[in-house]
Amino acid sequence: MKKKDLIVVRGAGDLATGTIHRLKKAGFRLLVLEAEHPAAIRRQVALSEAVYAGSARVEDVEAVRMDVDLAEKKNRKELLEPEMERIWKKDGVPVLVDPAGLSIAALRPAVVAILAKKNLGTTKEMAPLVIALGPGFTAGEDVDVVIETKRGHNLGRVIRSGSAVPNTGIPGIIGGYGKERVMHAQAEGILRNAA
């Protein structure tokens, strides 16, 4: 793989941001695809915030939202490439609201990587190398490789056949606390930060 090859990362939540940060620092060209309303547990360390704010910075990596309408099917590549180049020239990481991954076929990336708890449509046919970080995917079936993300001695293990440890729904223990560290809304609605 060459540094000029495109890597598409599906999702920019707090954990995926670590992967994006490392790939960016290694010199790879990235495009991040996000949902219209992304959710992240630790929002201040999630590049997905660029969807809401227009840009987001985690340490020295800045993600910039691309405002491109993907409704025009036949010109997607011509619409996306100049905007990605503009952001790359400013040393940023482009973020595109494209939850269905419509841009992937047009751009033909060398790698597609995803960090999600379940597969909502990622396939091995999306790129020459498709990598899933965490549970919900099976190496050799829907992706080429799975990376274990559960804390412990297998963290980071490359799985070429099979799946990562299933999601338990319980956060890892930090300072003696697990599920107590996470608050869940009791009702549906819009959360607005006070400060």
Foldseek 3Di string as FASTA:
>chain_A
DDQAFEEEEEAFAQVVVVVVVVNLVVRHAYEYEYALDDDYQPVLRTQVCCSVVQWHDHPHAIEGEDDFDCPPPPCLLVRPVVVSVVQVVVSYHYYYHDNPPSSQVVRAGQEYEYEDQADPDQACVSHVAYEYEDFHDFCPGRGQWYAACDDDPRHRPIDRGGGHDHDPVWADDDPNDINVVGDDDPDDDDDDDPD
